[in-house]
Protein backbone atom coordinates (compact mmCIF):
# COMPACT_ATOMS: atom_id res chain seq x y z
CA MET A 1 0.01 0.05 0.12
CA ALA A 2 2.63 2.57 1.16
CA PHE A 3 5.33 1.57 -1.70
CA SER A 4 2.59 1.86 -4.51
CA PHE A 5 1.49 5.45 -3.26
CA LEU A 6 5.27 6.73 -2.69
CA LYS A 7 5.64 6.35 -6.47
CA LYS A 8 3.24 9.15 -6.92
CA ILE A 9 5.44 11.28 -5.40
CA ASN A 10 5.38 15.01 -6.50
CA ARG A 11 6.41 18.37 -5.68
CA LYS A 12 3.61 18.88 -3.06
CA TRP A 13 5.30 15.61 -1.31
CA ILE A 14 8.90 16.95 -1.29
CA PHE A 15 7.38 19.63 0.33
CA TRP A 16 6.02 18.15 3.42
CA ILE A 17 8.62 15.48 3.83
CA THR A 18 11.01 18.41 3.92
CA ILE A 19 8.97 20.30 6.37
CA ASP A 20 8.86 16.95 8.58
CA ILE A 21 12.42 16.34 8.46
CA LEU A 22 13.07 20.21 9.60
CA ILE A 23 10.58 19.94 12.29
CA PHE A 24 12.74 16.75 13.60
CA LEU A 25 16.03 18.40 13.03
CA VAL A 26 14.83 21.64 15.01
CA PHE A 27 13.01 19.23 17.74
CA SER A 28 16.31 16.74 18.09
CA LEU A 29 18.51 20.07 18.40
CA ILE A 30 16.39 21.51 21.07
CA ALA A 31 15.96 18.17 22.91
CA TRP A 32 19.35 17.73 22.95
CA ARG A 33 20.00 21.14 24.63
CA TYR A 34 17.23 21.35 27.04
CA PHE A 35 15.64 18.01 27.62
CA PRO A 36 17.77 14.95 29.63
CA SER A 37 18.16 13.44 26.19
CA GLN A 38 21.87 12.79 26.68
CA VAL A 39 20.81 10.55 29.77
CA GLN A 40 17.95 9.26 28.20
CA ALA A 41 19.95 8.16 25.15
CA GLU A 42 22.71 6.92 27.44
CA PHE A 43 20.38 4.61 29.07
CA LYS A 44 18.35 3.41 25.74
CA LEU A 45 21.84 2.52 24.51
CA GLU A 46 23.04 0.62 27.52
CA LEU A 47 20.15 -1.43 27.73
CA SER A 48 20.83 -2.02 23.88
CA LEU A 49 24.36 -2.93 24.48
CA LYS A 50 23.13 -5.51 27.11
CA MET A 51 21.07 -7.14 24.61
CA LEU A 52 23.79 -7.24 22.13
CA HIS A 53 26.12 -8.66 24.48
CA GLY A 54 23.60 -11.58 25.03
CA GLN A 55 21.60 -10.69 28.04
CA LEU A 56 18.29 -11.05 27.79
CA PRO A 57 15.47 -8.47 28.88
CA TYR A 58 13.02 -10.01 31.87
CA VAL A 59 16.01 -12.96 32.41
CA ASN A 60 19.33 -11.15 32.90
CA PHE A 61 18.09 -7.54 33.48
CA GLY A 62 14.42 -6.02 34.56
CA SER A 63 12.80 -3.76 32.03
CA GLU A 64 9.53 -1.86 32.27
CA TYR A 65 9.19 -1.54 28.62
CA PRO A 66 7.10 -4.52 26.21
CA PRO A 67 9.56 -6.56 23.84
CA LEU A 68 8.68 -4.29 21.10
CA ALA A 69 9.65 -1.27 22.65
CA LEU A 70 13.03 -2.51 23.61
CA LEU A 71 13.39 -3.56 19.81
CA SER A 72 12.99 -0.07 18.84
CA TYR A 73 15.76 0.81 21.32
CA LEU A 74 18.07 -2.03 19.56
CA LEU A 75 17.73 -0.93 15.80
CA PRO A 76 19.74 1.99 16.39
CA ALA A 77 22.51 0.49 18.57
CA LEU A 78 23.10 -2.29 15.66
CA PHE A 79 24.80 0.70 13.72
CA PHE A 80 26.16 3.36 16.21
CA ARG A 81 27.74 3.03 19.75
CA SER A 82 28.55 6.41 20.48
CA THR A 83 25.68 8.12 22.91
CA ILE A 84 25.58 11.45 20.08
CA ALA A 85 25.23 8.65 16.92
CA TYR A 86 23.04 6.80 18.56
CA TYR A 87 20.37 9.75 19.46
CA VAL A 88 20.78 10.92 15.90
CA ALA A 89 19.79 7.53 14.76
CA PHE A 90 17.04 6.95 17.09
CA THR A 91 15.74 10.42 16.20
CA VAL A 92 16.14 9.36 12.29
CA GLU A 93 14.28 6.14 13.42
CA MET A 94 11.35 8.19 14.83
CA LEU A 95 11.06 10.31 11.80
CA LEU A 96 10.87 7.02 9.40
CA PHE A 97 7.59 6.28 11.52
CA ASP A 98 6.43 9.60 11.38
CA LEU A 99 6.93 9.80 7.55
CA PHE A 100 5.05 6.62 6.87
CA ALA A 101 2.60 8.14 9.27
CA MET A 102 2.17 10.98 6.49
CA VAL A 103 1.48 7.96 3.67
CA LEU A 104 -1.36 6.96 6.14
CA ILE A 105 -2.92 9.99 6.92
CA THR A 106 -3.26 10.54 3.02
CA ARG A 107 -4.68 7.56 1.99
CA VAL A 108 -7.16 7.61 4.92
CA GLY A 109 -7.85 10.90 4.08
CA ALA A 110 -8.36 10.57 0.25
CA ARG A 111 -11.40 7.95 1.76
CA LEU A 112 -12.82 10.94 3.91
CA GLY A 113 -12.47 13.60 1.31
CA ILE A 114 -9.77 15.24 2.99
CA SER A 115 -7.10 17.07 0.72
CA SER A 116 -3.65 15.86 0.87
CA THR A 117 -2.85 19.60 1.73
CA ARG A 118 -5.37 19.83 4.70
CA SER A 119 -4.35 16.54 6.29
CA LEU A 120 -0.55 17.32 6.01
CA LEU A 121 -1.20 20.68 7.37
CA PHE A 122 -2.69 19.56 10.37
CA HIS A 123 -0.27 16.89 10.69
CA ALA A 124 2.47 19.28 10.96
CA LEU A 125 0.73 21.36 13.58
CA ALA A 126 0.10 18.14 15.34
CA ILE A 127 3.66 17.19 15.73
CA ILE A 128 4.34 20.96 16.71
CA ALA A 129 1.69 21.02 19.31
CA ALA A 130 3.51 17.59 20.72
CA GLY A 131 6.96 19.14 20.68
CA PRO A 132 10.25 18.12 20.90
CA ILE A 133 9.44 14.88 23.10
CA ILE A 134 8.36 13.33 20.26
CA VAL A 135 12.41 12.60 19.22
CA THR A 136 13.13 11.51 22.68
CA SER A 137 10.52 8.75 23.20
CA PHE A 138 9.41 5.83 20.70
CA ASP A 139 5.79 6.73 21.48
CA ILE A 140 5.13 7.54 17.75
CA ILE A 141 6.00 3.89 17.04
CA PRO A 142 2.41 2.72 18.46
CA ALA A 143 0.35 5.70 17.05
CA VAL A 144 1.23 4.64 13.81
CA LEU A 145 0.52 1.36 14.45
CA VAL A 146 -2.93 2.35 15.44
CA LEU A 147 -2.90 4.24 12.60
CA ALA A 148 -1.84 1.53 10.34
CA ALA A 149 -3.99 -0.98 11.55
CA LEU A 150 -7.53 1.80 11.14
CA ALA A 151 -6.26 2.12 7.37
CA PHE A 152 -6.06 -1.56 7.01
CA PHE A 153 -9.57 -2.13 8.87
CA VAL A 154 -11.46 0.39 6.73
CA SER A 155 -9.86 -1.04 3.52
CA GLY A 156 -11.30 -4.38 4.19
CA LYS A 157 -7.98 -5.99 5.63
CA SER A 158 -9.28 -6.87 8.86
CA ASN A 159 -6.61 -9.75 9.59
CA ILE A 160 -3.68 -6.97 8.89
CA ALA A 161 -5.35 -4.45 11.22
CA TRP A 162 -5.42 -7.31 13.79
CA VAL A 163 -2.00 -8.16 13.76
CA LEU A 164 -0.96 -4.14 14.01
CA ILE A 165 -2.86 -3.96 16.96
CA GLY A 166 -1.19 -7.09 18.62
CA LEU A 167 2.09 -5.23 17.66
CA GLY A 168 1.27 -1.81 19.14
CA PHE A 169 0.18 -3.86 22.10
CA LEU A 170 3.43 -5.73 22.74
CA THR A 171 4.94 -2.06 22.05
CA LYS A 172 2.83 0.28 24.18
CA LEU A 173 0.10 -1.87 25.55
CA TYR A 174 -2.73 1.18 25.13
CA PRO A 175 -3.61 0.01 21.66
CA ILE A 176 -5.24 -2.58 22.52
CA ILE A 177 -8.50 -0.11 23.72
CA VAL A 178 -9.03 -0.26 19.73
CA LEU A 179 -10.15 -3.62 19.22
CA PRO A 180 -13.43 -3.75 20.41
CA PHE A 181 -14.53 -0.94 17.80
CA PHE A 182 -13.42 -3.72 15.55
CA VAL A 183 -15.10 -6.55 17.25
CA LEU A 184 -18.44 -4.09 17.29
CA TYR A 185 -18.07 -2.92 13.61
CA GLN A 186 -17.76 -6.88 12.52
CA LEU A 187 -20.66 -7.89 14.83
CA ARG A 188 -23.02 -5.30 13.16
CA GLN A 189 -21.43 -6.50 9.73
CA LYS A 190 -22.04 -10.05 10.83
CA GLN A 191 -18.17 -10.62 10.15
CA TYR A 192 -18.15 -13.32 12.44
CA LYS A 193 -15.32 -15.36 10.23
CA GLN A 194 -13.49 -12.09 10.78
CA ILE A 195 -13.73 -11.92 14.03
CA ALA A 196 -12.53 -15.56 14.80
CA GLN A 197 -9.65 -15.15 12.47
CA GLY A 198 -8.76 -11.87 14.05
CA ALA A 199 -9.09 -13.17 17.30
CA ALA A 200 -6.72 -16.13 16.27
CA ILE A 201 -4.21 -14.22 14.88
CA LEU A 202 -3.96 -11.87 17.39
CA THR A 203 -3.44 -14.51 19.99
CA VAL A 204 -0.55 -16.02 17.61
CA ILE A 205 1.10 -12.67 17.56
CA ILE A 206 1.13 -12.03 21.30
CA LEU A 207 2.15 -15.83 22.23
CA ALA A 208 5.04 -15.80 19.81
CA LEU A 209 6.32 -12.50 21.05
CA SER A 210 5.67 -12.81 24.42
CA LEU A 211 5.72 -16.77 25.55
CA PRO A 212 9.26 -17.18 25.03
CA TRP A 213 10.05 -14.60 28.06
CA PHE A 214 7.25 -15.71 29.80
CA LEU A 215 8.76 -19.45 29.59
CA LEU A 216 12.63 -17.91 30.67
CA ASN A 217 11.28 -15.92 33.85
CA THR A 218 7.67 -15.70 34.18
CA ASN A 219 8.14 -13.35 37.55
CA GLY A 220 10.60 -11.36 35.76
CA PHE A 221 8.26 -11.20 32.41
CA LEU A 222 5.03 -10.25 34.49
CA SER A 223 6.99 -7.54 36.40
CA THR A 224 6.92 -5.48 33.24
CA TYR A 225 3.12 -5.38 33.89
CA GLY A 226 3.16 -5.14 37.37
CA TYR A 227 5.29 -2.07 37.30
CA HIS A 228 2.72 -0.04 35.52
CA LEU A 229 0.04 -1.58 38.23
CA GLU A 230 1.95 -0.64 41.20
CA ARG A 231 2.43 3.05 39.94
CA GLY A 232 1.24 5.73 42.21
CA LEU A 233 -0.68 8.53 40.97
CA HIS A 234 1.29 10.85 38.49
CA SER A 235 1.37 14.63 39.42
CA GLU A 236 0.59 15.29 35.77
CA SER A 237 -2.46 12.85 35.54
CA THR A 238 -5.85 14.54 35.35
CA TYR A 239 -6.67 13.58 39.30
CA GLY A 240 -3.01 14.44 40.25
CA SER A 241 -3.67 18.32 38.58
CA VAL A 242 -7.05 18.22 40.71
CA LEU A 243 -5.29 17.66 43.69
CA LEU A 244 -2.41 20.19 43.22
CA LEU A 245 -4.64 22.67 42.36
CA GLY A 246 -6.42 21.82 45.96
CA LYS A 247 -2.91 22.11 47.70
CA VAL A 248 -2.35 25.40 46.43
CA LEU A 249 -5.46 26.45 47.16
CA GLY A 250 -5.11 24.86 50.70
CA LEU A 251 -8.00 22.30 50.31
CA VAL A 252 -5.99 19.19 50.77
CA GLN A 253 -2.65 17.86 51.71
CA VAL A 254 -0.50 16.03 49.66
CA GLU A 255 3.02 15.67 48.92
CA GLY A 256 5.58 14.59 45.94
CA ILE A 257 7.67 11.93 45.78
CA TYR A 258 9.99 10.41 42.78
CA ASN A 259 9.46 6.70 41.93
CA PHE A 260 8.60 4.61 38.82
CA GLY A 261 10.77 7.38 36.99
CA SER A 262 8.35 10.46 37.24
CA TRP A 263 7.08 12.48 39.79
CA ASN A 264 4.20 11.20 41.57
CA LEU A 265 1.63 12.37 44.47
CA ASN A 266 2.34 10.82 47.80
CA SER A 267 -1.29 11.12 50.37
CA PRO A 268 -3.93 8.42 51.48
CA LEU A 269 -6.61 10.48 48.69
CA ALA A 270 -3.94 10.05 45.85
CA ASP A 271 -3.05 6.40 46.50
CA GLN A 272 -7.07 5.81 46.79
CA LEU A 273 -7.62 7.87 43.48
CA ALA A 274 -4.87 5.75 41.83
CA GLY A 275 -6.59 2.37 43.10
CA VAL A 276 -9.82 3.50 41.52
CA SER A 277 -8.67 5.10 38.23
CA PHE A 278 -8.76 1.64 36.31
CA LEU A 279 -12.44 1.27 37.00
CA ILE A 280 -13.01 4.94 36.09
CA MET A 281 -11.24 4.31 32.92
CA ALA A 282 -13.09 1.23 32.32
CA GLY A 283 -16.26 2.62 32.77
CA LEU A 284 -15.51 5.40 30.59
CA LEU A 285 -14.26 3.58 27.80
CA GLY A 286 -17.31 1.43 27.98
CA THR A 287 -19.58 4.26 27.62
CA ILE A 288 -17.51 5.42 24.31
CA TYR A 289 -18.09 1.82 22.89
CA LEU A 290 -21.88 2.19 23.91
CA PHE A 291 -22.03 5.27 21.51
CA TYR A 292 -20.23 3.88 18.86
CA ILE A 293 -22.65 1.15 19.23
CA ARG A 294 -25.68 3.53 19.17
CA THR A 295 -24.04 5.34 16.20
CA ILE A 296 -23.32 2.30 13.78
CA LEU A 297 -26.74 1.25 14.34
CA ARG A 298 -28.10 4.36 13.36
CA GLU A 299 -25.57 4.65 10.54
CA THR A 300 -25.75 0.94 9.13
CA SER A 301 -29.47 0.08 8.60
CA ASN A 302 -28.95 -2.78 6.47
CA PRO A 303 -25.60 -4.46 7.39
CA VAL A 304 -23.71 -6.13 4.85
CA GLU A 305 -20.67 -7.71 3.96
CA SER A 306 -18.08 -5.17 2.17
CA ALA A 307 -14.69 -5.06 0.87
CA GLY A 308 -14.21 -1.72 3.14
CA LEU A 309 -15.93 0.66 5.02
CA LYS A 310 -17.77 3.51 3.44
CA PRO A 311 -16.79 7.28 4.04
CA THR A 312 -19.20 7.65 6.58
CA ALA A 313 -18.34 4.68 8.58
CA THR A 314 -14.33 5.38 8.22
CA ALA A 315 -15.00 9.08 9.90
CA THR A 316 -17.05 7.44 12.83
CA LEU A 317 -14.19 4.83 13.10
CA ILE A 318 -11.67 7.52 13.64
CA GLN A 319 -13.67 9.91 15.70
CA TYR A 320 -14.40 7.27 18.16
CA VAL A 321 -10.96 5.54 18.42
CA SER A 322 -9.73 9.32 18.94
CA ALA A 323 -12.17 9.82 21.74
CA ALA A 324 -11.15 6.53 23.44
CA ILE A 325 -7.24 7.65 23.23
CA LEU A 326 -8.12 10.84 24.60
CA ILE A 327 -10.53 9.29 27.50
CA PHE A 328 -7.73 6.57 28.10
CA MET A 329 -5.13 9.69 28.67
CA LEU A 330 -7.36 11.62 30.65
CA SER A 331 -8.71 8.86 33.08
CA ALA A 332 -5.58 7.09 33.66
CA LYS A 333 -3.62 7.23 36.65
CA VAL A 334 -0.22 8.29 34.48
CA PHE A 335 -0.78 10.86 31.92
CA SER A 336 2.89 11.65 30.88
CA MET A 337 3.90 14.50 28.23
CA GLN A 338 4.51 12.22 25.75
CA TYR A 339 1.22 10.66 25.52
CA LEU A 340 -0.10 13.79 23.46
CA VAL A 341 2.41 12.08 20.44
CA TRP A 342 -0.51 9.40 20.49
CA LEU A 343 -3.23 12.00 18.63
CA CYS A 344 -0.85 13.17 15.98
CA PRO A 345 -1.21 10.51 13.21
CA LEU A 346 -5.30 10.63 14.22
CA LEU A 347 -6.40 14.27 14.54
CA PRO A 348 -5.67 15.19 10.86
CA LEU A 349 -8.56 12.55 9.82
CA ILE A 350 -11.20 14.41 11.98
CA THR A 351 -13.76 15.40 9.65
CA GLY A 352 -15.74 18.26 9.07
CA ARG A 353 -15.39 21.87 10.47
CA ARG A 354 -14.66 20.55 14.13
CA GLN A 355 -11.22 20.12 13.28
CA VAL A 356 -10.03 23.98 12.82
CA PRO A 357 -11.74 24.54 17.10
CA LEU A 358 -10.01 21.10 17.84
CA TYR A 359 -6.61 21.80 16.37
CA ALA A 360 -6.75 25.44 18.12
CA VAL A 361 -7.45 23.74 21.49
CA PHE A 362 -4.72 21.15 20.98
CA LEU A 363 -2.31 23.42 19.90
CA MET A 364 -2.87 25.51 23.18
CA ALA A 365 -2.55 22.45 25.10
CA GLY A 366 0.69 21.34 23.81
CA ALA A 367 2.01 24.88 24.27
CA ILE A 368 1.54 24.55 27.94
CA SER A 369 2.55 21.02 28.10
CA GLN A 370 6.17 22.17 26.05
CA TYR A 371 6.45 25.61 28.46
CA ILE A 372 6.25 23.11 31.64
CA TYR A 373 8.38 20.18 30.35
CA PRO A 374 11.26 20.62 30.97
CA TYR A 375 11.61 24.42 30.97
CA ASN A 376 10.00 24.81 34.16
CA TYR A 377 9.42 21.15 35.77
CA ILE A 378 11.35 22.04 38.77
CA GLN A 379 8.81 24.94 39.75
CA PHE A 380 5.90 22.24 39.16
CA MET A 381 7.81 19.76 41.18
CA TYR A 382 7.90 22.54 44.03
CA PHE A 383 4.28 23.24 43.61
CA VAL A 384 4.68 26.63 42.27
CA PRO A 385 1.51 27.67 41.81
CA SER A 386 1.30 29.42 38.47
CA VAL A 387 2.83 26.01 36.65
CA VAL A 388 0.26 24.16 38.79
CA VAL A 389 -2.80 26.28 37.40
CA MET A 390 -0.88 25.72 34.20
CA MET A 391 -0.84 21.93 34.17
CA PHE A 392 -4.77 21.79 35.45
CA ILE A 393 -5.59 24.03 32.30
CA ARG A 394 -3.81 21.69 30.23
CA ASN A 395 -5.89 18.95 31.10
CA ILE A 396 -9.01 20.96 30.68
CA LEU A 397 -7.95 21.67 27.33
CA ILE A 398 -7.40 17.91 26.78
CA MET A 399 -11.03 17.42 28.01
CA ILE A 400 -12.55 20.07 25.51
CA CYS A 401 -10.63 17.97 22.85
CA ALA A 402 -12.13 14.77 23.93
CA VAL A 403 -15.88 16.53 23.72
CA LEU A 404 -15.10 18.31 20.47
CA VAL A 405 -14.30 14.72 19.15
CA LEU A 406 -17.35 13.22 20.62
CA LEU A 407 -19.73 15.96 18.91
CA PRO A 408 -21.92 14.15 16.52
CA LYS A 409 -20.47 14.89 13.28
CA GLU A 410 -23.78 16.56 11.86
CA ARG A 411 -23.25 19.50 14.18
CA TRP A 412 -19.90 20.06 12.39
CA LEU A 413 -21.03 19.45 8.97
CA ASN A 414 -23.19 21.37 6.27
CA SER A 415 -25.25 18.35 5.46
CA LYS A 416 -25.53 14.93 6.51
CA PRO A 417 -22.34 13.34 6.62
CA GLU A 418 -22.47 10.75 3.86
CA ALA A 419 -23.67 13.54 1.63
CA HIS A 420 -20.57 15.80 2.54
CA LEU A 421 -18.13 13.20 2.15
CA LYS A 422 -19.22 12.14 -1.46
CA THR A 423 -19.32 15.57 -2.26
CA SER A 424 -15.74 15.87 -1.32
CA VAL A 425 -14.67 12.83 -2.89
CA GLY A 426 -15.95 14.11 -6.21
């Protein structure tokens, strides 16, 4: 799919590829100067060298990362061993994934009647909003895997979509929340055989990439997932920002503590919120799935098997997947700055006039995030009121993004979605 499309490269594509390269170049320079990028690169390189020297993750040394996340660390180390060279190679690796995202965005955007110029412009703005952290973390990889899964699913290649979600799960865990949308749509279309095939393929993928580690050291492998379950309440999370605002106002008592690689909150109330966060998340995601069921029941009165999703069904799927990821971010007990990267491949595909206000809010949220981390994160750690308020506002802006994404399409289109999309395609 990608290779046939790349044959059609023209001046417009060269322009947008150049823009993307320049953004990553500028971000890599900023990150090296102001972010703890050297320390992070040394850490990734050290892990990679352990593996290259025959040590096994989860067996000879512990790791909080799933297997494919470690693979993203290992690849640059196959060619470069100095810290600066490794950092550059890792940045290039992330850039290549983002360039692939651009191909996918234009392909899916074409199904939705979104011009390539518009979708690639919004993609560039999303990357700018996410900021330099995109070159220091591997979060663009699971984000692109989610988009790739959606691209294959809407084109009728559901088995490949299930494979990609499995690979995404083994990279960053969160892509698994996309699977219920696939199952619900295929149930509506009476594609029971495709569901069974997809489930079998997903199981094989996960077992093939997890079972060896599980058998070699069960406790070591399971500790990767236990690590995330045991984490406390992240100070940047929605709950954490509310508690910190309460602390600034003198309403609650809470202290900061650095553990699990992040700045977390320590108090009985913080521990309680961390404990119930999963239930809150499950409830909210369940509500999103119910909304999706209601929408596809309304939009597909006579379900039939087809080679791919129609424009309206494609727009609906992307709308609800984006909303689910936003809800996941907002309701989880951890909300790291790099999570904004997850939205970069999806937001350019939100159809209709809602795209403009959505991007305005997302850009503001990204600007605040970048202002806080890393430039003023020390002040945040010391609970400086102005920075605490800014973090609270950032999370409110992300909530507004979720509301904008969830609003019915009819409120943002000049006519019914199907008519609008057909007109745009024509």
